[in-house]
Amino acid sequence: SPRNYVMRLAREKASAIAVDPRRIVLGADTAVVVEGEILGKPSSA
């Protein structure tokens, strides 16, 4: 689902950064959804 998709990517981005316990990593990902289709960044004009 689009919601699970962006949450998974946010988790993967945050998990990709190794930090010490005094830090919090913020990962985020955004998708535009129309009629169930996830629109990411365009690949071309």
ModelCIF file with pLDDT and N, C-alpha, C, O atoms, coordinates in Angstrom:
data_MODEL
#
_entry.id   MODEL 
#
_entity.id                         1 
_entity.type                       polymer 
_entity.pdbx_number_of_molecules   1 
#
_entity_poly.entity_id                      1 
_entity_poly.type                           'polypeptide(L)' 
_entity_poly.nstd_linkage                   no 
_entity_poly.nstd_monomer                   no 
_entity_poly.pdbx_seq_one_letter_code       SPRNYVMRLAREKASAIAVDPRRIVLGADTAVVVEGEILGKPSSA 
_entity_poly.pdbx_seq_one_letter_code_can   SPRNYVMRLAREKASAIAVDPRRIVLGADTAVVVEGEILGKPSSA 
_entity_poly.pdbx_strand_id                 A 
#
loop_
_entity_poly_seq.entity_id 
_entity_poly_seq.num 
_entity_poly_seq.mon_id 
_entity_poly_seq.hetero 
1 1  SER n 
1 2  PRO n 
1 3  ARG n 
1 4  ASN n 
1 5  TYR n 
1 6  VAL n 
1 7  MET n 
1 8  ARG n 
1 9  LEU n 
1 10 ALA n 
1 11 ARG n 
1 12 GLU n 
1 13 LYS n 
1 14 ALA n 
1 15 SER n 
1 16 ALA n 
1 17 ILE n 
1 18 ALA n 
1 19 VAL n 
1 20 ASP n 
1 21 PRO n 
1 22 ARG n 
1 23 ARG n 
1 24 ILE n 
1 25 VAL n 
1 26 LEU n 
1 27 GLY n 
1 28 ALA n 
1 29 ASP n 
1 30 THR n 
1 31 ALA n 
1 32 VAL n 
1 33 VAL n 
1 34 VAL n 
1 35 GLU n 
1 36 GLY n 
1 37 GLU n 
1 38 ILE n 
1 39 LEU n 
1 40 GLY n 
1 41 LYS n 
1 42 PRO n 
1 43 SER n 
1 44 SER n 
1 45 ALA n 
#
_struct_asym.id          A 
_struct_asym.entity_id   1 
#
loop_
_ma_qa_metric.id 
_ma_qa_metric.mode 
_ma_qa_metric.name 
_ma_qa_metric.software_group_id 
_ma_qa_metric.type 
1 global pLDDT . pLDDT 
2 local  pLDDT . pLDDT 
#
_ma_qa_metric_global.metric_id      1 
_ma_qa_metric_global.metric_value   92.71 
_ma_qa_metric_global.model_id       1 
_ma_qa_metric_global.ordinal_id     1 
#
loop_
_ma_qa_metric_local.label_asym_id 
_ma_qa_metric_local.label_comp_id 
_ma_qa_metric_local.label_seq_id 
_ma_qa_metric_local.metric_id 
_ma_qa_metric_local.metric_value 
_ma_qa_metric_local.model_id 
_ma_qa_metric_local.ordinal_id 
A SER 1  2 96.00 1 1  
A PRO 2  2 97.00 1 2  
A ARG 3  2 97.00 1 3  
A ASN 4  2 97.00 1 4  
A TYR 5  2 97.00 1 5  
A VAL 6  2 96.00 1 6  
A MET 7  2 97.00 1 7  
A ARG 8  2 97.00 1 8  
A LEU 9  2 96.00 1 9  
A ALA 10 2 96.00 1 10 
A ARG 11 2 96.00 1 11 
A GLU 12 2 95.00 1 12 
A LYS 13 2 94.00 1 13 
A ALA 14 2 94.00 1 14 
A SER 15 2 92.00 1 15 
A ALA 16 2 90.00 1 16 
A ILE 17 2 86.00 1 17 
A ALA 18 2 79.00 1 18 
A VAL 19 2 75.00 1 19 
A ASP 20 2 77.00 1 20 
A PRO 21 2 75.00 1 21 
A ARG 22 2 79.00 1 22 
A ARG 23 2 88.00 1 23 
A ILE 24 2 93.00 1 24 
A VAL 25 2 94.00 1 25 
A LEU 26 2 96.00 1 26 
A GLY 27 2 96.00 1 27 
A ALA 28 2 96.00 1 28 
A ASP 29 2 94.00 1 29 
A THR 30 2 95.00 1 30 
A ALA 31 2 95.00 1 31 
A VAL 32 2 97.00 1 32 
A VAL 33 2 98.00 1 33 
A VAL 34 2 97.00 1 34 
A GLU 35 2 92.00 1 35 
A GLY 36 2 91.00 1 36 
A GLU 37 2 94.00 1 37 
A ILE 38 2 95.00 1 38 
A LEU 39 2 95.00 1 39 
A GLY 40 2 90.00 1 40 
A LYS 41 2 91.00 1 41 
A PRO 42 2 96.00 1 42 
A SER 43 2 96.00 1 43 
A SER 44 2 97.00 1 44 
A ALA 45 2 98.00 1 45 
#
loop_
_atom_site.group_PDB 
_atom_site.id 
_atom_site.type_symbol 
_atom_site.label_atom_id 
_atom_site.label_alt_id 
_atom_site.label_comp_id 
_atom_site.label_asym_id 
_atom_site.label_entity_id 
_atom_site.label_seq_id 
_atom_site.pdbx_PDB_ins_code 
_atom_site.Cartn_x 
_atom_site.Cartn_y 
_atom_site.Cartn_z 
_atom_site.occupancy 
_atom_site.B_iso_or_equiv 
_atom_site.pdbx_formal_charge 
_atom_site.auth_seq_id 
_atom_site.auth_comp_id 
_atom_site.auth_asym_id 
_atom_site.auth_atom_id 
_atom_site.pdbx_PDB_model_num 
ATOM 1   N N  . SER A 1 1  ? 0.842  -1.195 0.000   1.00 96.00 ? 1  SER A N  1 
ATOM 2   C CA . SER A 1 1  ? 0.000  0.000  0.000   1.00 96.00 ? 1  SER A CA 1 
ATOM 3   C C  . SER A 1 1  ? 0.876  1.243  0.000   1.00 96.00 ? 1  SER A C  1 
ATOM 4   O O  . SER A 1 1  ? 2.015  1.186  0.463   1.00 96.00 ? 1  SER A O  1 
ATOM 5   N N  . PRO A 1 2  ? 0.370  2.375  -0.512  1.00 97.00 ? 2  PRO A N  1 
ATOM 6   C CA . PRO A 1 2  ? 1.165  3.616  -0.499  1.00 97.00 ? 2  PRO A CA 1 
ATOM 7   C C  . PRO A 1 2  ? 1.643  3.995  0.903   1.00 97.00 ? 2  PRO A C  1 
ATOM 8   O O  . PRO A 1 2  ? 2.792  4.406  1.067   1.00 97.00 ? 2  PRO A O  1 
ATOM 9   N N  . ARG A 1 3  ? 0.786  3.865  1.909   1.00 97.00 ? 3  ARG A N  1 
ATOM 10  C CA . ARG A 1 3  ? 1.178  4.210  3.286   1.00 97.00 ? 3  ARG A CA 1 
ATOM 11  C C  . ARG A 1 3  ? 2.313  3.310  3.771   1.00 97.00 ? 3  ARG A C  1 
ATOM 12  O O  . ARG A 1 3  ? 3.294  3.799  4.331   1.00 97.00 ? 3  ARG A O  1 
ATOM 13  N N  . ASN A 1 4  ? 2.186  2.004  3.560   1.00 97.00 ? 4  ASN A N  1 
ATOM 14  C CA . ASN A 1 4  ? 3.246  1.086  3.973   1.00 97.00 ? 4  ASN A CA 1 
ATOM 15  C C  . ASN A 1 4  ? 4.535  1.340  3.196   1.00 97.00 ? 4  ASN A C  1 
ATOM 16  O O  . ASN A 1 4  ? 5.631  1.204  3.739   1.00 97.00 ? 4  ASN A O  1 
ATOM 17  N N  . TYR A 1 5  ? 4.399  1.704  1.934   1.00 97.00 ? 5  TYR A N  1 
ATOM 18  C CA . TYR A 1 5  ? 5.549  2.003  1.077   1.00 97.00 ? 5  TYR A CA 1 
ATOM 19  C C  . TYR A 1 5  ? 6.378  3.155  1.650   1.00 97.00 ? 5  TYR A C  1 
ATOM 20  O O  . TYR A 1 5  ? 7.588  3.012  1.828   1.00 97.00 ? 5  TYR A O  1 
ATOM 21  N N  . VAL A 1 6  ? 5.737  4.302  1.942   1.00 96.00 ? 6  VAL A N  1 
ATOM 22  C CA . VAL A 1 6  ? 6.506  5.452  2.433   1.00 96.00 ? 6  VAL A CA 1 
ATOM 23  C C  . VAL A 1 6  ? 7.045  5.202  3.834   1.00 96.00 ? 6  VAL A C  1 
ATOM 24  O O  . VAL A 1 6  ? 8.123  5.693  4.171   1.00 96.00 ? 6  VAL A O  1 
ATOM 25  N N  . MET A 1 7  ? 6.322  4.453  4.656   1.00 97.00 ? 7  MET A N  1 
ATOM 26  C CA . MET A 1 7  ? 6.829  4.140  5.998   1.00 97.00 ? 7  MET A CA 1 
ATOM 27  C C  . MET A 1 7  ? 8.032  3.195  5.908   1.00 97.00 ? 7  MET A C  1 
ATOM 28  O O  . MET A 1 7  ? 8.991  3.338  6.667   1.00 97.00 ? 7  MET A O  1 
ATOM 29  N N  . ARG A 1 8  ? 7.984  2.240  4.992   1.00 97.00 ? 8  ARG A N  1 
ATOM 30  C CA . ARG A 1 8  ? 9.131  1.327  4.806   1.00 97.00 ? 8  ARG A CA 1 
ATOM 31  C C  . ARG A 1 8  ? 10.368 2.101  4.348   1.00 97.00 ? 8  ARG A C  1 
ATOM 32  O O  . ARG A 1 8  ? 11.464 1.896  4.870   1.00 97.00 ? 8  ARG A O  1 
ATOM 33  N N  . LEU A 1 9  ? 10.184 2.998  3.365   1.00 96.00 ? 9  LEU A N  1 
ATOM 34  C CA . LEU A 1 9  ? 11.334 3.767  2.875   1.00 96.00 ? 9  LEU A CA 1 
ATOM 35  C C  . LEU A 1 9  ? 11.890 4.682  3.961   1.00 96.00 ? 9  LEU A C  1 
ATOM 36  O O  . LEU A 1 9  ? 13.107 4.820  4.082   1.00 96.00 ? 9  LEU A O  1 
ATOM 37  N N  . ALA A 1 10 ? 11.021 5.308  4.753   1.00 96.00 ? 10 ALA A N  1 
ATOM 38  C CA . ALA A 1 10 ? 11.486 6.161  5.853   1.00 96.00 ? 10 ALA A CA 1 
ATOM 39  C C  . ALA A 1 10 ? 12.311 5.338  6.842   1.00 96.00 ? 10 ALA A C  1 
ATOM 40  O O  . ALA A 1 10 ? 13.361 5.782  7.305   1.00 96.00 ? 10 ALA A O  1 
ATOM 41  N N  . ARG A 1 11 ? 11.825 4.132  7.160   1.00 96.00 ? 11 ARG A N  1 
ATOM 42  C CA . ARG A 1 11 ? 12.542 3.244  8.082   1.00 96.00 ? 11 ARG A CA 1 
ATOM 43  C C  . ARG A 1 11 ? 13.899 2.843  7.491   1.00 96.00 ? 11 ARG A C  1 
ATOM 44  O O  . ARG A 1 11 ? 14.909 2.842  8.194   1.00 96.00 ? 11 ARG A O  1 
ATOM 45  N N  . GLU A 1 12 ? 13.917 2.504  6.203   1.00 95.00 ? 12 GLU A N  1 
ATOM 46  C CA . GLU A 1 12 ? 15.182 2.102  5.575   1.00 95.00 ? 12 GLU A CA 1 
ATOM 47  C C  . GLU A 1 12 ? 16.175 3.257  5.544   1.00 95.00 ? 12 GLU A C  1 
ATOM 48  O O  . GLU A 1 12 ? 17.368 3.052  5.768   1.00 95.00 ? 12 GLU A O  1 
ATOM 49  N N  . LYS A 1 13 ? 15.701 4.460  5.272   1.00 94.00 ? 13 LYS A N  1 
ATOM 50  C CA . LYS A 1 13 ? 16.599 5.630  5.265   1.00 94.00 ? 13 LYS A CA 1 
ATOM 51  C C  . LYS A 1 13 ? 17.167 5.884  6.655   1.00 94.00 ? 13 LYS A C  1 
ATOM 52  O O  . LYS A 1 13 ? 18.367 6.115  6.807   1.00 94.00 ? 13 LYS A O  1 
ATOM 53  N N  . ALA A 1 14 ? 16.304 5.839  7.671   1.00 94.00 ? 14 ALA A N  1 
ATOM 54  C CA . ALA A 1 14 ? 16.771 6.068  9.042   1.00 94.00 ? 14 ALA A CA 1 
ATOM 55  C C  . ALA A 1 14 ? 17.730 4.970  9.492   1.00 94.00 ? 14 ALA A C  1 
ATOM 56  O O  . ALA A 1 14 ? 18.703 5.246  10.193  1.00 94.00 ? 14 ALA A O  1 
ATOM 57  N N  . SER A 1 15 ? 17.463 3.742  9.100   1.00 92.00 ? 15 SER A N  1 
ATOM 58  C CA . SER A 1 15 ? 18.304 2.608  9.499   1.00 92.00 ? 15 SER A CA 1 
ATOM 59  C C  . SER A 1 15 ? 19.655 2.614  8.806   1.00 92.00 ? 15 SER A C  1 
ATOM 60  O O  . SER A 1 15 ? 20.595 1.976  9.278   1.00 92.00 ? 15 SER A O  1 
ATOM 61  N N  . ALA A 1 16 ? 19.762 3.324  7.698   1.00 90.00 ? 16 ALA A N  1 
ATOM 62  C CA . ALA A 1 16 ? 21.011 3.354  6.938   1.00 90.00 ? 16 ALA A CA 1 
ATOM 63  C C  . ALA A 1 16 ? 22.076 4.231  7.591   1.00 90.00 ? 16 ALA A C  1 
ATOM 64  O O  . ALA A 1 16 ? 23.237 4.211  7.184   1.00 90.00 ? 16 ALA A O  1 
ATOM 65  N N  . ILE A 1 17 ? 21.681 4.998  8.601   1.00 86.00 ? 17 ILE A N  1 
ATOM 66  C CA . ILE A 1 17 ? 22.615 5.902  9.264   1.00 86.00 ? 17 ILE A CA 1 
ATOM 67  C C  . ILE A 1 17 ? 22.968 5.338  10.638  1.00 86.00 ? 17 ILE A C  1 
ATOM 68  O O  . ILE A 1 17 ? 22.098 5.169  11.493  1.00 86.00 ? 17 ILE A O  1 
ATOM 69  N N  . ALA A 1 18 ? 24.251 5.050  10.838  1.00 79.00 ? 18 ALA A N  1 
ATOM 70  C CA . ALA A 1 18 ? 24.712 4.555  12.139  1.00 79.00 ? 18 ALA A CA 1 
ATOM 71  C C  . ALA A 1 18 ? 24.970 5.760  13.042  1.00 79.00 ? 18 ALA A C  1 
ATOM 72  O O  . ALA A 1 18 ? 25.709 6.674  12.679  1.00 79.00 ? 18 ALA A O  1 
ATOM 73  N N  . VAL A 1 19 ? 24.353 5.746  14.216  1.00 75.00 ? 19 VAL A N  1 
ATOM 74  C CA . VAL A 1 19 ? 24.521 6.874  15.143  1.00 75.00 ? 19 VAL A CA 1 
ATOM 75  C C  . VAL A 1 19 ? 24.768 6.366  16.550  1.00 75.00 ? 19 VAL A C  1 
ATOM 76  O O  . VAL A 1 19 ? 24.488 5.212  16.874  1.00 75.00 ? 19 VAL A O  1 
ATOM 77  N N  . ASP A 1 20 ? 25.303 7.259  17.386  1.00 77.00 ? 20 ASP A N  1 
ATOM 78  C CA . ASP A 1 20 ? 25.465 6.902  18.790  1.00 77.00 ? 20 ASP A CA 1 
ATOM 79  C C  . ASP A 1 20 ? 24.148 7.157  19.523  1.00 77.00 ? 20 ASP A C  1 
ATOM 80  O O  . ASP A 1 20 ? 23.269 7.832  18.986  1.00 77.00 ? 20 ASP A O  1 
ATOM 81  N N  . PRO A 1 21 ? 23.998 6.637  20.721  1.00 75.00 ? 21 PRO A N  1 
ATOM 82  C CA . PRO A 1 21 ? 22.718 6.710  21.440  1.00 75.00 ? 21 PRO A CA 1 
ATOM 83  C C  . PRO A 1 21 ? 22.240 8.128  21.761  1.00 75.00 ? 21 PRO A C  1 
ATOM 84  O O  . PRO A 1 21 ? 21.066 8.317  22.080  1.00 75.00 ? 21 PRO A O  1 
ATOM 85  N N  . ARG A 1 22 ? 23.106 9.106  21.684  1.00 79.00 ? 22 ARG A N  1 
ATOM 86  C CA . ARG A 1 22 ? 22.694 10.486 21.976  1.00 79.00 ? 22 ARG A CA 1 
ATOM 87  C C  . ARG A 1 22 ? 22.025 11.153 20.784  1.00 79.00 ? 22 ARG A C  1 
ATOM 88  O O  . ARG A 1 22 ? 21.630 12.317 20.861  1.00 79.00 ? 22 ARG A O  1 
ATOM 89  N N  . ARG A 1 23 ? 21.900 10.432 19.700  1.00 88.00 ? 23 ARG A N  1 
ATOM 90  C CA . ARG A 1 23 ? 21.305 11.006 18.492  1.00 88.00 ? 23 ARG A CA 1 
ATOM 91  C C  . ARG A 1 23 ? 20.043 10.261 18.091  1.00 88.00 ? 23 ARG A C  1 
ATOM 92  O O  . ARG A 1 23 ? 19.865 9.081  18.392  1.00 88.00 ? 23 ARG A O  1 
ATOM 93  N N  . ILE A 1 24 ? 19.166 10.994 17.396  1.00 93.00 ? 24 ILE A N  1 
ATOM 94  C CA . ILE A 1 24 ? 17.971 10.417 16.787  1.00 93.00 ? 24 ILE A CA 1 
ATOM 95  C C  . ILE A 1 24 ? 18.061 10.689 15.296  1.00 93.00 ? 24 ILE A C  1 
ATOM 96  O O  . ILE A 1 24 ? 18.324 11.816 14.877  1.00 93.00 ? 24 ILE A O  1 
ATOM 97  N N  . VAL A 1 25 ? 17.844 9.664  14.505  1.00 94.00 ? 25 VAL A N  1 
ATOM 98  C CA . VAL A 1 25 ? 17.865 9.817  13.052  1.00 94.00 ? 25 VAL A CA 1 
ATOM 99  C C  . VAL A 1 25 ? 16.429 9.957  12.560  1.00 94.00 ? 25 VAL A C  1 
ATOM 100 O O  . VAL A 1 25 ? 15.553 9.182  12.944  1.00 94.00 ? 25 VAL A O  1 
ATOM 101 N N  . LEU A 1 26 ? 16.197 10.943 11.715  1.00 96.00 ? 26 LEU A N  1 
ATOM 102 C CA . LEU A 1 26 ? 14.898 11.149 11.089  1.00 96.00 ? 26 LEU A CA 1 
ATOM 103 C C  . LEU A 1 26 ? 14.992 10.768 9.623   1.00 96.00 ? 26 LEU A C  1 
ATOM 104 O O  . LEU A 1 26 ? 15.711 11.403 8.851   1.00 96.00 ? 26 LEU A O  1 
ATOM 105 N N  . GLY A 1 27 ? 14.265 9.730  9.245   1.00 96.00 ? 27 GLY A N  1 
ATOM 106 C CA . GLY A 1 27 ? 14.128 9.344  7.844   1.00 96.00 ? 27 GLY A CA 1 
ATOM 107 C C  . GLY A 1 27 ? 12.729 9.699  7.384   1.00 96.00 ? 27 GLY A C  1 
ATOM 108 O O  . GLY A 1 27 ? 11.779 9.603  8.161   1.00 96.00 ? 27 GLY A O  1 
ATOM 109 N N  . ALA A 1 28 ? 12.588 10.104 6.138   1.00 96.00 ? 28 ALA A N  1 
ATOM 110 C CA . ALA A 1 28 ? 11.267 10.465 5.609   1.00 96.00 ? 28 ALA A CA 1 
ATOM 111 C C  . ALA A 1 28 ? 11.202 10.136 4.127   1.00 96.00 ? 28 ALA A C  1 
ATOM 112 O O  . ALA A 1 28 ? 12.209 10.158 3.420   1.00 96.00 ? 28 ALA A O  1 
ATOM 113 N N  . ASP A 1 29 ? 10.002 9.833  3.681   1.00 94.00 ? 29 ASP A N  1 
ATOM 114 C CA . ASP A 1 29 ? 9.775  9.630  2.252   1.00 94.00 ? 29 ASP A CA 1 
ATOM 115 C C  . ASP A 1 29 ? 8.343  10.045 1.929   1.00 94.00 ? 29 ASP A C  1 
ATOM 116 O O  . ASP A 1 29 ? 7.418  9.789  2.700   1.00 94.00 ? 29 ASP A O  1 
ATOM 117 N N  . THR A 1 30 ? 8.178  10.689 0.778   1.00 95.00 ? 30 THR A N  1 
ATOM 118 C CA . THR A 1 30 ? 6.881  11.225 0.371   1.00 95.00 ? 30 THR A CA 1 
ATOM 119 C C  . THR A 1 30 ? 6.469  10.625 -0.964  1.00 95.00 ? 30 THR A C  1 
ATOM 120 O O  . THR A 1 30 ? 7.291  10.447 -1.863  1.00 95.00 ? 30 THR A O  1 
ATOM 121 N N  . ALA A 1 31 ? 5.186  10.316 -1.076  1.00 95.00 ? 31 ALA A N  1 
ATOM 122 C CA . ALA A 1 31 ? 4.624  9.841  -2.349  1.00 95.00 ? 31 ALA A CA 1 
ATOM 123 C C  . ALA A 1 31 ? 3.316  10.573 -2.604  1.00 95.00 ? 31 ALA A C  1 
ATOM 124 O O  . ALA A 1 31 ? 2.569  10.904 -1.683  1.00 95.00 ? 31 ALA A O  1 
ATOM 125 N N  . VAL A 1 32 ? 3.069  10.808 -3.866  1.00 97.00 ? 32 VAL A N  1 
ATOM 126 C CA . VAL A 1 32 ? 1.784  11.345 -4.317  1.00 97.00 ? 32 VAL A CA 1 
ATOM 127 C C  . VAL A 1 32 ? 1.007  10.151 -4.861  1.00 97.00 ? 32 VAL A C  1 
ATOM 128 O O  . VAL A 1 32 ? 1.543  9.335  -5.611  1.00 97.00 ? 32 VAL A O  1 
ATOM 129 N N  . VAL A 1 33 ? -0.265 10.062 -4.473  1.00 98.00 ? 33 VAL A N  1 
ATOM 130 C CA . VAL A 1 33 ? -1.076 8.908  -4.857  1.00 98.00 ? 33 VAL A CA 1 
ATOM 131 C C  . VAL A 1 33 ? -2.355 9.390  -5.528  1.00 98.00 ? 33 VAL A C  1 
ATOM 132 O O  . VAL A 1 33 ? -3.084 10.216 -4.979  1.00 98.00 ? 33 VAL A O  1 
ATOM 133 N N  . VAL A 1 34 ? -2.620 8.866  -6.723  1.00 97.00 ? 34 VAL A N  1 
ATOM 134 C CA . VAL A 1 34 ? -3.862 9.180  -7.424  1.00 97.00 ? 34 VAL A CA 1 
ATOM 135 C C  . VAL A 1 34 ? -4.440 7.864  -7.940  1.00 97.00 ? 34 VAL A C  1 
ATOM 136 O O  . VAL A 1 34 ? -3.772 7.107  -8.644  1.00 97.00 ? 34 VAL A O  1 
ATOM 137 N N  . GLU A 1 35 ? -5.672 7.614  -7.580  1.00 92.00 ? 35 GLU A N  1 
ATOM 138 C CA . GLU A 1 35 ? -6.361 6.372  -7.943  1.00 92.00 ? 35 GLU A CA 1 
ATOM 139 C C  . GLU A 1 35 ? -5.525 5.135  -7.641  1.00 92.00 ? 35 GLU A C  1 
ATOM 140 O O  . GLU A 1 35 ? -5.481 4.195  -8.435  1.00 92.00 ? 35 GLU A O  1 
ATOM 141 N N  . GLY A 1 36 ? -4.859 5.142  -6.480  1.00 91.00 ? 36 GLY A N  1 
ATOM 142 C CA . GLY A 1 36 ? -4.061 3.994  -6.054  1.00 91.00 ? 36 GLY A CA 1 
ATOM 143 C C  . GLY A 1 36 ? -2.675 3.924  -6.658  1.00 91.00 ? 36 GLY A C  1 
ATOM 144 O O  . GLY A 1 36 ? -1.868 3.099  -6.232  1.00 91.00 ? 36 GLY A O  1 
ATOM 145 N N  . GLU A 1 37 ? -2.369 4.767  -7.645  1.00 94.00 ? 37 GLU A N  1 
ATOM 146 C CA . GLU A 1 37 ? -1.039 4.749  -8.267  1.00 94.00 ? 37 GLU A CA 1 
ATOM 147 C C  . GLU A 1 37 ? -0.094 5.658  -7.505  1.00 94.00 ? 37 GLU A C  1 
ATOM 148 O O  . GLU A 1 37 ? -0.400 6.825  -7.258  1.00 94.00 ? 37 GLU A O  1 
ATOM 149 N N  . ILE A 1 38 ? 1.062  5.112  -7.133  1.00 95.00 ? 38 ILE A N  1 
ATOM 150 C CA . ILE A 1 38 ? 2.098  5.883  -6.449  1.00 95.00 ? 38 ILE A CA 1 
ATOM 151 C C  . ILE A 1 38 ? 2.899  6.640  -7.493  1.00 95.00 ? 38 ILE A C  1 
ATOM 152 O O  . ILE A 1 38 ? 3.471  6.048  -8.408  1.00 95.00 ? 38 ILE A O  1 
ATOM 153 N N  . LEU A 1 39 ? 2.932  7.972  -7.341  1.00 95.00 ? 39 LEU A N  1 
ATOM 154 C CA . LEU A 1 39 ? 3.718  8.810  -8.242  1.00 95.00 ? 39 LEU A CA 1 
ATOM 155 C C  . LEU A 1 39 ? 4.957  9.279  -7.494  1.00 95.00 ? 39 LEU A C  1 
ATOM 156 O O  . LEU A 1 39 ? 4.865  10.105 -6.586  1.00 95.00 ? 39 LEU A O  1 
ATOM 157 N N  . GLY A 1 40 ? 6.086  8.763  -7.867  1.00 90.00 ? 40 GLY A N  1 
ATOM 158 C CA . GLY A 1 40 ? 7.349  9.205  -7.274  1.00 90.00 ? 40 GLY A CA 1 
ATOM 159 C C  . GLY A 1 40 ? 7.887  10.387 -8.057  1.00 90.00 ? 40 GLY A C  1 
ATOM 160 O O  . GLY A 1 40 ? 7.123  11.160 -8.634  1.00 90.00 ? 40 GLY A O  1 
ATOM 161 N N  . LYS A 1 41 ? 9.194  10.523 -8.075  1.00 91.00 ? 41 LYS A N  1 
ATOM 162 C CA . LYS A 1 41 ? 9.821  11.577 -8.867  1.00 91.00 ? 41 LYS A CA 1 
ATOM 163 C C  . LYS A 1 41 ? 9.794  11.150 -10.330 1.00 91.00 ? 41 LYS A C  1 
ATOM 164 O O  . LYS A 1 41 ? 10.045 9.984  -10.637 1.00 91.00 ? 41 LYS A O  1 
ATOM 165 N N  . PRO A 1 42 ? 9.491  12.080 -11.235 1.00 96.00 ? 42 PRO A N  1 
ATOM 166 C CA . PRO A 1 42 ? 9.435  11.703 -12.651 1.00 96.00 ? 42 PRO A CA 1 
ATOM 167 C C  . PRO A 1 42 ? 10.808 11.308 -13.187 1.00 96.00 ? 42 PRO A C  1 
ATOM 168 O O  . PRO A 1 42 ? 11.832 11.866 -12.793 1.00 96.00 ? 42 PRO A O  1 
ATOM 169 N N  . SER A 1 43 ? 10.804 10.345 -14.085 1.00 96.00 ? 43 SER A N  1 
ATOM 170 C CA . SER A 1 43 ? 12.055 9.868  -14.680 1.00 96.00 ? 43 SER A CA 1 
ATOM 171 C C  . SER A 1 43 ? 12.455 10.678 -15.907 1.00 96.00 ? 43 SER A C  1 
ATOM 172 O O  . SER A 1 43 ? 13.596 10.603 -16.364 1.00 96.00 ? 43 SER A O  1 
ATOM 173 N N  . SER A 1 44 ? 11.506 11.457 -16.439 1.00 97.00 ? 44 SER A N  1 
ATOM 174 C CA . SER A 1 44 ? 11.768 12.240 -17.649 1.00 97.00 ? 44 SER A CA 1 
ATOM 175 C C  . SER A 1 44 ? 10.705 13.333 -17.755 1.00 97.00 ? 44 SER A C  1 
ATOM 176 O O  . SER A 1 44 ? 9.745  13.357 -16.984 1.00 97.00 ? 44 SER A O  1 
ATOM 177 N N  . ALA A 1 45 ? 10.888 14.227 -18.711 1.00 98.00 ? 45 ALA A N  1 
ATOM 178 C CA . ALA A 1 45 ? 9.882  15.270 -18.962 1.00 98.00 ? 45 ALA A CA 1 
ATOM 179 C C  . ALA A 1 45 ? 8.555  14.641 -19.386 1.00 98.00 ? 45 ALA A C  1 
ATOM 180 O O  . ALA A 1 45 ? 7.586  15.357 -19.641 1.00 98.00 ? 45 ALA A O  1 
#
